[in-house]
Amino acid sequence: MIVYRATKSDFHQDIDTGNIDGIIEDALMKNLHRSTSQKEKDSWRSSLLFMWNVISDTGIPDNSGIAIEFQIPHTSKRVDFIISGFDKSDHSYVVIVELKQWVSAELTVKDGIVSTALGRGLHESLHPSYQAWTYAALLEDFNETVYQENITLKPCAYLHNYEEDTVIRNSFYSEHRRKLLSFKARYAEA
């Protein structure tokens, strides 16, 4: 189930209203029949403005698809942001974006796990690259449309508040990072 769906052009109009968080909250209630916390609404407002700055690139067509909060069927996992479209050969592509508002993280000795400030104190969390890759893997393995239409999935993570350091791009996590799409932004995980 997709909470919010639009074209890039329509997404831009919704961003311009200054109420993108309210628009998504209304869509969440309509499509998933649930409300959310103020913290999640604040994260939408912040992260989606950063995403608009990324996708406002003229190389991304105005009719590209935008989906926000796509719940992966039969799981509790939701993809933060999706960009869909076609390449010059008319092949379908979907970019899966895991958005993080983190400002820092710490290394752990666990594969695919970092430690970061969540709520009060440090907590272990999936490395954003690993998290984005798992979403793509779930869709590739269990989504009939992705399989039948041979849709190429490109996962990436965007840590728009993160100050680059030696943690997120540490070689310990290179196995997870090598599977990701790279794009230039304040801090895009590749």
C-alpha atoms as a PDB file:
ATOM      1  CA  MET A   1       0.000   0.000   0.000  1.00  0.00           C
ATOM      2  CA  ILE A   2       1.286   3.434  -0.937  1.00  0.00           C
ATOM      3  CA  VAL A   3       0.309   6.254   1.411  1.00  0.00           C
ATOM      4  CA  TYR A   4       1.097   9.108  -0.990  1.00  0.00           C
ATOM      5  CA  ARG A   5       1.409   8.932  -4.768  1.00  0.00           C
ATOM      6  CA  ALA A   6       2.039  11.780  -7.205  1.00  0.00           C
ATOM      7  CA  THR A   7       4.098  12.879 -10.160  1.00  0.00           C
ATOM      8  CA  LYS A   8       7.217  14.924  -9.541  1.00  0.00           C
ATOM      9  CA  SER A   9       5.275  17.988 -10.706  1.00  0.00           C
ATOM     10  CA  ASP A  10       2.378  17.321  -8.312  1.00  0.00           C
ATOM     11  CA  PHE A  11       4.803  16.616  -5.466  1.00  0.00           C
ATOM     12  CA  HIS A  12       6.375  20.008  -6.121  1.00  0.00           C
ATOM     13  CA  GLN A  13       2.954  21.667  -5.855  1.00  0.00           C
ATOM     14  CA  ASP A  14       2.303  19.846  -2.565  1.00  0.00           C
ATOM     15  CA  ILE A  15       5.699  20.927  -1.210  1.00  0.00           C
ATOM     16  CA  ASP A  16       4.888  24.526  -2.200  1.00  0.00           C
ATOM     17  CA  THR A  17       1.736  24.479  -0.045  1.00  0.00           C
ATOM     18  CA  GLY A  18       3.959  24.328   3.046  1.00  0.00           C
ATOM     19  CA  ASN A  19       1.699  21.536   4.304  1.00  0.00           C
ATOM     20  CA  ILE A  20       3.288  18.382   2.873  1.00  0.00           C
ATOM     21  CA  ASP A  21       3.217  16.786   6.325  1.00  0.00           C
ATOM     22  CA  GLY A  22      -0.533  17.421   6.623  1.00  0.00           C
ATOM     23  CA  ILE A  23      -1.157  16.099   3.112  1.00  0.00           C
ATOM     24  CA  ILE A  24       0.691  12.885   3.923  1.00  0.00           C
ATOM     25  CA  GLU A  25      -0.998  12.587   7.304  1.00  0.00           C
ATOM     26  CA  ASP A  26      -4.399  12.812   5.584  1.00  0.00           C
ATOM     27  CA  ALA A  27      -3.312  10.185   3.045  1.00  0.00           C
ATOM     28  CA  LEU A  28      -2.078   7.926   5.871  1.00  0.00           C
ATOM     29  CA  MET A  29      -5.480   8.093   7.538  1.00  0.00           C
ATOM     30  CA  LYS A  30      -7.300   7.530   4.236  1.00  0.00           C
ATOM     31  CA  ASN A  31      -5.115   4.676   2.981  1.00  0.00           C
ATOM     32  CA  LEU A  32      -3.935   2.896   6.146  1.00  0.00           C
ATOM     33  CA  HIS A  33      -6.658   4.062   8.547  1.00  0.00           C
ATOM     34  CA  ARG A  34      -4.218   5.252  11.165  1.00  0.00           C
ATOM     35  CA  SER A  35      -2.753   8.450  12.529  1.00  0.00           C
ATOM     36  CA  THR A  36       0.831   9.210  13.438  1.00  0.00           C
ATOM     37  CA  SER A  37       2.952  11.149  15.894  1.00  0.00           C
ATOM     38  CA  GLN A  38       3.994  14.770  15.673  1.00  0.00           C
ATOM     39  CA  LYS A  39       7.593  13.550  15.507  1.00  0.00           C
ATOM     40  CA  GLU A  40       6.893  11.600  12.305  1.00  0.00           C
ATOM     41  CA  LYS A  41       5.047  14.567  10.766  1.00  0.00           C
ATOM     42  CA  ASP A  42       8.005  16.817  11.592  1.00  0.00           C
ATOM     43  CA  SER A  43      10.366  14.318   9.967  1.00  0.00           C
ATOM     44  CA  TRP A  44       8.236  14.305   6.794  1.00  0.00           C
ATOM     45  CA  ARG A  45       8.286  18.091   6.619  1.00  0.00           C
ATOM     46  CA  SER A  46      12.061  18.249   6.993  1.00  0.00           C
ATOM     47  CA  SER A  47      13.132  15.240   4.945  1.00  0.00           C
ATOM     48  CA  LEU A  48      10.743  15.855   2.072  1.00  0.00           C
ATOM     49  CA  LEU A  49      12.030  19.389   1.586  1.00  0.00           C
ATOM     50  CA  PHE A  50      15.515  17.927   1.271  1.00  0.00           C
ATOM     51  CA  MET A  51      14.209  15.338  -1.191  1.00  0.00           C
ATOM     52  CA  TRP A  52      12.582  18.060  -3.265  1.00  0.00           C
ATOM     53  CA  ASN A  53      15.976  19.757  -3.508  1.00  0.00           C
ATOM     54  CA  VAL A  54      17.420  16.503  -4.850  1.00  0.00           C
ATOM     55  CA  ILE A  55      14.698  15.657  -7.371  1.00  0.00           C
ATOM     56  CA  SER A  56      14.225  19.212  -8.604  1.00  0.00           C
ATOM     57  CA  ASP A  57      17.094  18.404 -10.963  1.00  0.00           C
ATOM     58  CA  THR A  58      15.861  18.976 -14.532  1.00  0.00           C
ATOM     59  CA  GLY A  59      17.294  15.591 -15.517  1.00  0.00           C
ATOM     60  CA  ILE A  60      14.434  13.965 -13.612  1.00  0.00           C
ATOM     61  CA  PRO A  61      11.284  14.337 -15.744  1.00  0.00           C
ATOM     62  CA  ASP A  62       8.230  16.083 -14.264  1.00  0.00           C
ATOM     63  CA  ASN A  63       6.109  12.997 -14.936  1.00  0.00           C
ATOM     64  CA  SER A  64       8.353  10.730 -12.834  1.00  0.00           C
ATOM     65  CA  GLY A  65       6.398   8.927 -10.158  1.00  0.00           C
ATOM     66  CA  ILE A  66       6.801   9.807  -6.501  1.00  0.00           C
ATOM     67  CA  ALA A  67       5.603   7.532  -3.722  1.00  0.00           C
ATOM     68  CA  ILE A  68       5.948   8.195  -0.024  1.00  0.00           C
ATOM     69  CA  GLU A  69       5.549   5.659   2.775  1.00  0.00           C
ATOM     70  CA  PHE A  70       5.129   2.532   0.660  1.00  0.00           C
ATOM     71  CA  GLN A  71       4.272  -0.327   2.995  1.00  0.00           C
ATOM     72  CA  ILE A  72       5.913  -3.503   1.775  1.00  0.00           C
ATOM     73  CA  PRO A  73       3.163  -6.149   1.614  1.00  0.00           C
ATOM     74  CA  HIS A  74       3.054  -8.728   4.397  1.00  0.00           C
ATOM     75  CA  THR A  75       5.571  -6.761   6.491  1.00  0.00           C
ATOM     76  CA  SER A  76       5.530  -3.772   8.820  1.00  0.00           C
ATOM     77  CA  LYS A  77       8.312  -2.143   6.782  1.00  0.00           C
ATOM     78  CA  ARG A  78       7.706   1.104   4.918  1.00  0.00           C
ATOM     79  CA  VAL A  79       9.904   2.635   2.233  1.00  0.00           C
ATOM     80  CA  ASP A  80      10.304   6.350   2.907  1.00  0.00           C
ATOM     81  CA  PHE A  81      10.530   7.669  -0.647  1.00  0.00           C
ATOM     82  CA  ILE A  82      10.344   6.173  -4.128  1.00  0.00           C
ATOM     83  CA  ILE A  83      11.090   7.714  -7.519  1.00  0.00           C
ATOM     84  CA  SER A  84       9.885   5.751 -10.542  1.00  0.00           C
ATOM     85  CA  GLY A  85      10.250   6.198 -14.266  1.00  0.00           C
ATOM     86  CA  PHE A  86      11.730   4.897 -17.471  1.00  0.00           C
ATOM     87  CA  ASP A  87      15.148   5.117 -19.056  1.00  0.00           C
ATOM     88  CA  LYS A  88      15.788   6.034 -22.707  1.00  0.00           C
ATOM     89  CA  SER A  89      15.129   2.417 -23.712  1.00  0.00           C
ATOM     90  CA  ASP A  90      11.727   2.500 -21.976  1.00  0.00           C
ATOM     91  CA  HIS A  91      12.937   0.194 -19.181  1.00  0.00           C
ATOM     92  CA  SER A  92      11.255   0.671 -15.774  1.00  0.00           C
ATOM     93  CA  TYR A  93      13.383   1.898 -12.883  1.00  0.00           C
ATOM     94  CA  VAL A  94      12.492   2.470  -9.260  1.00  0.00           C
ATOM     95  CA  VAL A  95      14.797   4.307  -6.857  1.00  0.00           C
ATOM     96  CA  ILE A  96      14.181   3.371  -3.227  1.00  0.00           C
ATOM     97  CA  VAL A  97      15.331   6.089  -0.827  1.00  0.00           C
ATOM     98  CA  GLU A  98      15.808   5.477   2.878  1.00  0.00           C
ATOM     99  CA  LEU A  99      15.709   8.890   4.576  1.00  0.00           C
ATOM    100  CA  LYS A 100      17.561   9.481   7.819  1.00  0.00           C
ATOM    101  CA  GLN A 101      17.691  12.624   9.916  1.00  0.00           C
ATOM    102  CA  TRP A 102      20.686  11.356  11.832  1.00  0.00           C
ATOM    103  CA  VAL A 103      23.491  13.756  12.631  1.00  0.00           C
ATOM    104  CA  SER A 104      25.993  11.088  13.653  1.00  0.00           C
ATOM    105  CA  ALA A 105      26.485   7.365  14.156  1.00  0.00           C
ATOM    106  CA  GLU A 106      28.960   5.049  15.817  1.00  0.00           C
ATOM    107  CA  LEU A 107      30.562   1.845  14.599  1.00  0.00           C
ATOM    108  CA  THR A 108      29.535  -1.475  16.067  1.00  0.00           C
ATOM    109  CA  VAL A 109      31.051  -4.918  15.660  1.00  0.00           C
ATOM    110  CA  LYS A 110      27.745  -6.230  14.264  1.00  0.00           C
ATOM    111  CA  ASP A 111      27.265  -6.707  10.535  1.00  0.00           C
ATOM    112  CA  GLY A 112      24.917  -4.076   9.075  1.00  0.00           C
ATOM    113  CA  ILE A 113      24.367  -2.381  12.435  1.00  0.00           C
ATOM    114  CA  VAL A 114      25.358   1.091  13.612  1.00  0.00           C
ATOM    115  CA  SER A 115      24.624   2.903  16.831  1.00  0.00           C
ATOM    116  CA  THR A 116      22.909   6.286  16.681  1.00  0.00           C
ATOM    117  CA  ALA A 117      20.927   8.684  18.854  1.00  0.00           C
ATOM    118  CA  LEU A 118      17.274   7.700  18.685  1.00  0.00           C
ATOM    119  CA  GLY A 119      15.027   9.192  21.318  1.00  0.00           C
ATOM    120  CA  ARG A 120      17.042   9.203  24.492  1.00  0.00           C
ATOM    121  CA  GLY A 121      20.528   7.798  24.215  1.00  0.00           C
ATOM    122  CA  LEU A 122      22.300   5.634  21.680  1.00  0.00           C
ATOM    123  CA  HIS A 123      20.530   2.676  20.120  1.00  0.00           C
ATOM    124  CA  GLU A 124      21.543   0.073  17.603  1.00  0.00           C
ATOM    125  CA  SER A 125      19.929   0.454  14.208  1.00  0.00           C
ATOM    126  CA  LEU A 126      20.315  -1.008  10.756  1.00  0.00           C
ATOM    127  CA  HIS A 127      22.962   0.726   8.694  1.00  0.00           C
ATOM    128  CA  PRO A 128      20.965   2.894   6.240  1.00  0.00           C
ATOM    129  CA  SER A 129      22.568   1.159   3.250  1.00  0.00           C
ATOM    130  CA  TYR A 130      21.621  -2.246   4.571  1.00  0.00           C
ATOM    131  CA  GLN A 131      18.093  -1.072   5.347  1.00  0.00           C
ATOM    132  CA  ALA A 132      17.566   0.322   1.835  1.00  0.00           C
ATOM    133  CA  TRP A 133      19.006  -2.830   0.274  1.00  0.00           C
ATOM    134  CA  THR A 134      16.699  -5.085   2.327  1.00  0.00           C
ATOM    135  CA  TYR A 135      13.669  -3.167   1.047  1.00  0.00           C
ATOM    136  CA  ALA A 136      14.814  -3.685  -2.539  1.00  0.00           C
ATOM    137  CA  ALA A 137      15.531  -7.365  -1.884  1.00  0.00           C
ATOM    138  CA  LEU A 138      12.069  -7.895  -0.396  1.00  0.00           C
ATOM    139  CA  LEU A 139      10.434  -6.275  -3.402  1.00  0.00           C
ATOM    140  CA  GLU A 140      12.570  -8.211  -5.885  1.00  0.00           C
ATOM    141  CA  ASP A 141      11.809 -11.518  -4.166  1.00  0.00           C
ATOM    142  CA  PHE A 142       8.144 -11.091  -3.319  1.00  0.00           C
ATOM    143  CA  ASN A 143       6.557  -8.499  -5.615  1.00  0.00           C
ATOM    144  CA  GLU A 144       4.993 -10.075  -8.694  1.00  0.00           C
ATOM    145  CA  THR A 145       4.912  -6.802 -10.658  1.00  0.00           C
ATOM    146  CA  VAL A 146       8.618  -6.150 -10.072  1.00  0.00           C
ATOM    147  CA  TYR A 147       9.384  -9.672 -11.236  1.00  0.00           C
ATOM    148  CA  GLN A 148       7.006  -9.902 -14.207  1.00  0.00           C
ATOM    149  CA  GLU A 149       7.772  -6.437 -15.588  1.00  0.00           C
ATOM    150  CA  ASN A 150      11.512  -6.765 -14.954  1.00  0.00           C
ATOM    151  CA  ILE A 151      11.636  -3.498 -12.999  1.00  0.00           C
ATOM    152  CA  THR A 152      15.127  -2.474 -11.924  1.00  0.00           C
ATOM    153  CA  LEU A 153      15.272  -1.429  -8.271  1.00  0.00           C
ATOM    154  CA  LYS A 154      18.025   0.928  -7.133  1.00  0.00           C
ATOM    155  CA  PRO A 155      18.248   1.403  -3.349  1.00  0.00           C
ATOM    156  CA  CYS A 156      19.982   4.358  -1.726  1.00  0.00           C
ATOM    157  CA  ALA A 157      20.117   6.137   1.613  1.00  0.00           C
ATOM    158  CA  TYR A 158      19.997   9.887   2.115  1.00  0.00           C
ATOM    159  CA  LEU A 159      21.284  11.223   5.426  1.00  0.00           C
ATOM    160  CA  HIS A 160      20.562  14.897   4.869  1.00  0.00           C
ATOM    161  CA  ASN A 161      21.634  16.126   8.319  1.00  0.00           C
ATOM    162  CA  TYR A 162      24.690  13.913   8.621  1.00  0.00           C
ATOM    163  CA  GLU A 163      28.138  15.414   8.883  1.00  0.00           C
ATOM    164  CA  GLU A 164      30.414  13.131   6.907  1.00  0.00           C
ATOM    165  CA  ASP A 165      32.770  11.117   9.079  1.00  0.00           C
ATOM    166  CA  THR A 166      34.426   7.699   9.031  1.00  0.00           C
ATOM    167  CA  VAL A 167      31.442   5.736  10.332  1.00  0.00           C
ATOM    168  CA  ILE A 168      28.714   5.426   7.684  1.00  0.00           C
ATOM    169  CA  ARG A 169      31.229   4.917   4.864  1.00  0.00           C
ATOM    170  CA  ASN A 170      33.494   2.704   6.967  1.00  0.00           C
ATOM    171  CA  SER A 171      34.939  -0.296   5.125  1.00  0.00           C
ATOM    172  CA  PHE A 172      33.275  -2.565   7.704  1.00  0.00           C
ATOM    173  CA  TYR A 173      29.962  -1.773   5.967  1.00  0.00           C
ATOM    174  CA  SER A 174      31.293  -1.896   2.392  1.00  0.00           C
ATOM    175  CA  GLU A 175      29.446  -5.123   1.529  1.00  0.00           C
ATOM    176  CA  HIS A 176      26.145  -3.347   2.126  1.00  0.00           C
ATOM    177  CA  ARG A 177      27.172  -0.059   0.547  1.00  0.00           C
ATOM    178  CA  ARG A 178      28.416  -1.533  -2.736  1.00  0.00           C
ATOM    179  CA  LYS A 179      24.861  -2.516  -3.727  1.00  0.00           C
ATOM    180  CA  LEU A 180      23.536   1.028  -3.606  1.00  0.00           C
ATOM    181  CA  LEU A 181      22.899   3.780  -6.089  1.00  0.00           C
ATOM    182  CA  SER A 182      25.020   6.877  -5.623  1.00  0.00           C
ATOM    183  CA  PHE A 183      23.791  10.431  -6.050  1.00  0.00           C
ATOM    184  CA  LYS A 184      25.169  13.817  -5.118  1.00  0.00           C
ATOM    185  CA  ALA A 185      23.436  15.672  -2.332  1.00  0.00           C
ATOM    186  CA  ARG A 186      24.497  16.992   1.050  1.00  0.00           C
ATOM    187  CA  TYR A 187      25.158  13.468   2.226  1.00  0.00           C
ATOM    188  CA  ALA A 188      23.956  10.614   0.108  1.00  0.00           C
ATOM    189  CA  GLU A 189      25.092   7.160   1.085  1.00  0.00           C
ATOM    190  CA  ALA A 190      26.668   5.177  -1.693  1.00  0.00           C
END
